[in-house]
C-alpha cells in the first residue's frame, strides 16, 4: 500500500503535472486512475471548461489582437 508521502510526490507521466485527482471506479485502468488537472480536463472533454492558465493565455492573445486591430484602424484613419 502506498504511503501518503509517495502519493504526494506523484506526477502525471503524460503532462508532467502534479496528480490532483484519483478516479475511484474499479473499472478504470491503473494508468488512468491518477489524474492531473489537464488530464481531468481532457477526460471531461467539455467546451465549457478551460484550465486557468489556458484562459489567461487566451485573454492575453485577445488583448494583443485587439491592440493590433486598433493600430491598423488608426493608420487607416490617418491615411483617409
N, C-alpha and C. Protein backbone atom coordinates (compact mmCIF):
# COMPACT_ATOMS: atom_id res chain seq x y z
N UNK A 1 0.84 -1.18 0.00
CA UNK A 1 0.00 0.00 0.00
C UNK A 1 0.89 1.25 0.00
N UNK A 2 0.51 2.26 -0.79
CA UNK A 2 1.30 3.49 -0.90
C UNK A 2 1.11 4.37 0.31
N UNK A 3 2.19 4.94 0.76
CA UNK A 3 2.08 5.89 1.87
C UNK A 3 1.66 7.24 1.32
N UNK A 4 1.18 8.11 2.18
CA UNK A 4 0.73 9.44 1.78
C UNK A 4 1.86 10.22 1.13
N UNK A 5 3.07 10.11 1.63
CA UNK A 5 4.20 10.86 1.07
C UNK A 5 4.51 10.40 -0.35
N UNK A 6 4.33 9.09 -0.65
CA UNK A 6 4.54 8.60 -2.01
C UNK A 6 3.50 9.17 -2.96
N UNK A 7 2.27 9.23 -2.52
CA UNK A 7 1.19 9.77 -3.35
C UNK A 7 1.39 11.27 -3.57
N UNK A 8 1.83 11.97 -2.54
CA UNK A 8 2.04 13.41 -2.67
C UNK A 8 3.11 13.74 -3.70
N UNK A 9 4.04 12.83 -3.94
CA UNK A 9 5.13 13.07 -4.87
C UNK A 9 4.79 12.65 -6.30
N UNK A 10 3.63 12.11 -6.53
CA UNK A 10 3.27 11.60 -7.85
C UNK A 10 3.03 12.74 -8.84
N UNK A 11 3.52 12.50 -10.05
CA UNK A 11 3.30 13.44 -11.15
C UNK A 11 2.76 12.68 -12.34
N UNK A 12 1.93 13.33 -13.10
CA UNK A 12 1.36 12.74 -14.30
C UNK A 12 2.48 12.41 -15.28
N UNK A 13 2.50 11.18 -15.78
CA UNK A 13 3.55 10.76 -16.71
C UNK A 13 3.38 11.40 -18.08
N UNK A 14 2.17 11.82 -18.42
CA UNK A 14 1.91 12.42 -19.74
C UNK A 14 2.16 13.92 -19.71
N UNK A 15 1.56 14.62 -18.77
CA UNK A 15 1.63 16.08 -18.72
C UNK A 15 2.74 16.61 -17.82
N UNK A 16 3.31 15.76 -16.99
CA UNK A 16 4.36 16.15 -16.02
C UNK A 16 3.85 17.18 -15.01
N UNK A 17 2.57 17.10 -14.69
CA UNK A 17 1.96 17.97 -13.69
C UNK A 17 1.61 17.14 -12.46
N UNK A 18 1.43 17.81 -11.34
CA UNK A 18 1.13 17.14 -10.09
C UNK A 18 -0.23 16.45 -10.15
N UNK A 19 -0.29 15.23 -9.62
CA UNK A 19 -1.55 14.48 -9.54
C UNK A 19 -2.47 15.19 -8.55
N UNK A 20 -3.71 15.43 -8.98
CA UNK A 20 -4.66 16.12 -8.13
C UNK A 20 -5.92 15.30 -7.86
N UNK A 21 -6.20 14.32 -8.73
CA UNK A 21 -7.47 13.59 -8.66
C UNK A 21 -7.18 12.09 -8.74
N UNK A 22 -7.94 11.31 -8.00
CA UNK A 22 -7.88 9.85 -8.10
C UNK A 22 -9.26 9.36 -8.50
N UNK A 23 -9.31 8.61 -9.60
CA UNK A 23 -10.57 8.03 -10.07
C UNK A 23 -10.81 6.75 -9.28
N UNK A 24 -11.90 6.68 -8.54
CA UNK A 24 -12.16 5.56 -7.65
C UNK A 24 -12.93 4.41 -8.30
N UNK A 25 -13.30 4.56 -9.57
CA UNK A 25 -14.01 3.47 -10.25
C UNK A 25 -13.09 2.28 -10.40
N UNK A 26 -13.59 1.11 -10.08
CA UNK A 26 -12.76 -0.10 -10.16
C UNK A 26 -12.49 -0.49 -11.62
N UNK A 27 -13.32 -0.03 -12.54
CA UNK A 27 -13.13 -0.38 -13.95
C UNK A 27 -12.08 0.49 -14.65
N UNK A 28 -11.61 1.53 -13.97
CA UNK A 28 -10.62 2.42 -14.56
C UNK A 28 -9.24 1.76 -14.58
N UNK A 29 -8.54 1.88 -15.72
CA UNK A 29 -7.19 1.33 -15.84
C UNK A 29 -6.26 2.05 -14.87
N UNK A 30 -5.26 1.36 -14.41
CA UNK A 30 -4.33 1.93 -13.43
C UNK A 30 -3.71 3.23 -13.93
N UNK A 31 -3.29 3.28 -15.19
CA UNK A 31 -2.65 4.48 -15.71
C UNK A 31 -3.61 5.66 -15.83
N UNK A 32 -4.93 5.39 -15.79
CA UNK A 32 -5.93 6.45 -15.87
C UNK A 32 -6.53 6.80 -14.51
N UNK A 33 -6.09 6.15 -13.44
CA UNK A 33 -6.64 6.40 -12.11
C UNK A 33 -6.18 7.71 -11.52
N UNK A 34 -4.92 8.08 -11.74
CA UNK A 34 -4.35 9.27 -11.13
C UNK A 34 -4.26 10.37 -12.18
N UNK A 35 -4.97 11.47 -11.94
CA UNK A 35 -5.09 12.50 -12.96
C UNK A 35 -4.58 13.85 -12.47
N UNK A 36 -3.85 14.53 -13.34
CA UNK A 36 -3.50 15.93 -13.08
C UNK A 36 -4.68 16.77 -13.60
N UNK A 37 -4.63 18.05 -13.38
CA UNK A 37 -5.73 18.93 -13.79
C UNK A 37 -5.97 18.87 -15.29
N UNK A 38 -4.90 18.85 -16.08
CA UNK A 38 -5.05 18.85 -17.53
C UNK A 38 -5.68 17.55 -18.04
N UNK A 39 -5.27 16.41 -17.47
CA UNK A 39 -5.86 15.13 -17.89
C UNK A 39 -7.32 15.04 -17.46
N UNK A 40 -7.63 15.59 -16.29
CA UNK A 40 -9.03 15.61 -15.86
C UNK A 40 -9.86 16.43 -16.85
N UNK A 41 -9.33 17.58 -17.23
CA UNK A 41 -9.99 18.44 -18.21
C UNK A 41 -10.19 17.69 -19.52
N UNK A 42 -9.16 16.96 -19.98
CA UNK A 42 -9.28 16.20 -21.22
C UNK A 42 -10.30 15.08 -21.08
N UNK A 43 -10.37 14.49 -19.90
CA UNK A 43 -11.32 13.41 -19.67
C UNK A 43 -12.76 13.93 -19.69
N UNK A 44 -12.96 15.08 -19.13
CA UNK A 44 -14.30 15.69 -19.14
C UNK A 44 -14.67 16.06 -20.57
N UNK A 45 -13.69 16.59 -21.32
CA UNK A 45 -13.86 16.92 -22.73
C UNK A 45 -15.13 17.73 -22.99
N UNK A 46 -15.26 18.82 -22.29
CA UNK A 46 -16.43 19.67 -22.44
C UNK A 46 -15.95 21.08 -22.75
N UNK A 47 -16.52 21.70 -23.74
CA UNK A 47 -16.07 23.02 -24.16
C UNK A 47 -16.39 24.11 -23.14
N UNK A 48 -17.15 23.80 -22.13
CA UNK A 48 -17.50 24.79 -21.11
C UNK A 48 -16.44 24.90 -20.02
N UNK A 49 -15.39 24.08 -20.11
CA UNK A 49 -14.33 24.09 -19.11
C UNK A 49 -13.02 24.47 -19.78
N UNK A 50 -12.20 25.19 -19.05
CA UNK A 50 -10.84 25.51 -19.52
C UNK A 50 -9.94 25.65 -18.32
N UNK A 51 -8.68 25.29 -18.49
CA UNK A 51 -7.73 25.48 -17.42
C UNK A 51 -7.45 26.96 -17.25
N UNK A 52 -7.21 27.38 -16.03
CA UNK A 52 -6.98 28.79 -15.74
C UNK A 52 -5.84 29.35 -16.57
N UNK A 53 -4.73 28.65 -16.66
CA UNK A 53 -3.57 29.15 -17.40
C UNK A 53 -3.90 29.31 -18.88
N UNK A 54 -4.68 28.38 -19.43
CA UNK A 54 -5.09 28.48 -20.83
C UNK A 54 -6.02 29.67 -21.03
N UNK A 55 -6.89 29.92 -20.06
CA UNK A 55 -7.80 31.06 -20.14
C UNK A 55 -7.04 32.37 -20.09
N UNK A 56 -6.06 32.46 -19.20
CA UNK A 56 -5.23 33.66 -19.10
C UNK A 56 -4.49 33.90 -20.41
N UNK A 57 -3.91 32.87 -20.98
CA UNK A 57 -3.21 33.00 -22.27
C UNK A 57 -4.16 33.45 -23.37
N UNK A 58 -5.37 32.89 -23.38
CA UNK A 58 -6.34 33.26 -24.40
C UNK A 58 -6.74 34.73 -24.27
N UNK A 59 -6.93 35.21 -23.04
CA UNK A 59 -7.28 36.61 -22.81
C UNK A 59 -6.14 37.52 -23.26
N UNK A 60 -4.90 37.15 -22.95
CA UNK A 60 -3.75 37.95 -23.38
C UNK A 60 -3.67 38.00 -24.90
N UNK A 61 -3.89 36.87 -25.56
CA UNK A 61 -3.87 36.84 -27.02
C UNK A 61 -4.96 37.73 -27.61
N UNK A 62 -6.15 37.72 -27.00
CA UNK A 62 -7.24 38.56 -27.48
C UNK A 62 -6.92 40.04 -27.29
N UNK A 63 -6.28 40.40 -26.18
CA UNK A 63 -5.89 41.79 -25.94
C UNK A 63 -4.87 42.26 -26.97
N UNK A 64 -3.88 41.40 -27.26
CA UNK A 64 -2.87 41.73 -28.27
C UNK A 64 -3.52 41.91 -29.63
N UNK A 65 -4.43 41.03 -29.97
CA UNK A 65 -5.12 41.11 -31.25
C UNK A 65 -5.95 42.39 -31.33
N UNK A 66 -6.61 42.76 -30.23
CA UNK A 66 -7.40 43.99 -30.21
C UNK A 66 -6.51 45.21 -30.39
N UNK A 67 -5.32 45.21 -29.77
CA UNK A 67 -4.38 46.32 -29.94
C UNK A 67 -3.93 46.43 -31.40
N UNK A 68 -3.66 45.31 -32.02
CA UNK A 68 -3.25 45.32 -33.44
C UNK A 68 -4.35 45.88 -34.32
N UNK A 69 -5.58 45.48 -34.07
CA UNK A 69 -6.71 45.97 -34.85
C UNK A 69 -6.86 47.48 -34.67
N UNK A 70 -6.72 47.95 -33.43
CA UNK A 70 -6.83 49.38 -33.16
C UNK A 70 -5.71 50.16 -33.84
N UNK A 71 -4.50 49.62 -33.85
CA UNK A 71 -3.38 50.29 -34.53
C UNK A 71 -3.63 50.38 -36.03
N UNK A 72 -4.12 49.30 -36.62
CA UNK A 72 -4.44 49.30 -38.06
C UNK A 72 -5.54 50.31 -38.36
N UNK A 73 -6.54 50.35 -37.50
CA UNK A 73 -7.65 51.29 -37.70
C UNK A 73 -7.14 52.72 -37.64
N UNK A 74 -6.24 52.99 -36.68
CA UNK A 74 -5.68 54.33 -36.54
C UNK A 74 -4.88 54.70 -37.79
N UNK A 75 -4.10 53.80 -38.31
CA UNK A 75 -3.31 54.04 -39.53
C UNK A 75 -4.23 54.33 -40.70
N UNK A 76 -5.29 53.55 -40.84
CA UNK A 76 -6.24 53.76 -41.93
C UNK A 76 -6.91 55.12 -41.79
N UNK A 77 -7.29 55.49 -40.56
CA UNK A 77 -7.93 56.79 -40.32
C UNK A 77 -6.97 57.93 -40.68
N UNK A 78 -5.68 57.76 -40.41
CA UNK A 78 -4.69 58.80 -40.74
C UNK A 78 -4.48 58.93 -42.24
N UNK A 79 -4.57 57.83 -42.94
CA UNK A 79 -4.40 57.84 -44.40
C UNK A 79 -5.59 58.50 -45.05
N UNK A 80 -6.77 58.26 -44.55
CA UNK A 80 -8.00 58.81 -45.12
C UNK A 80 -8.11 60.23 -44.75
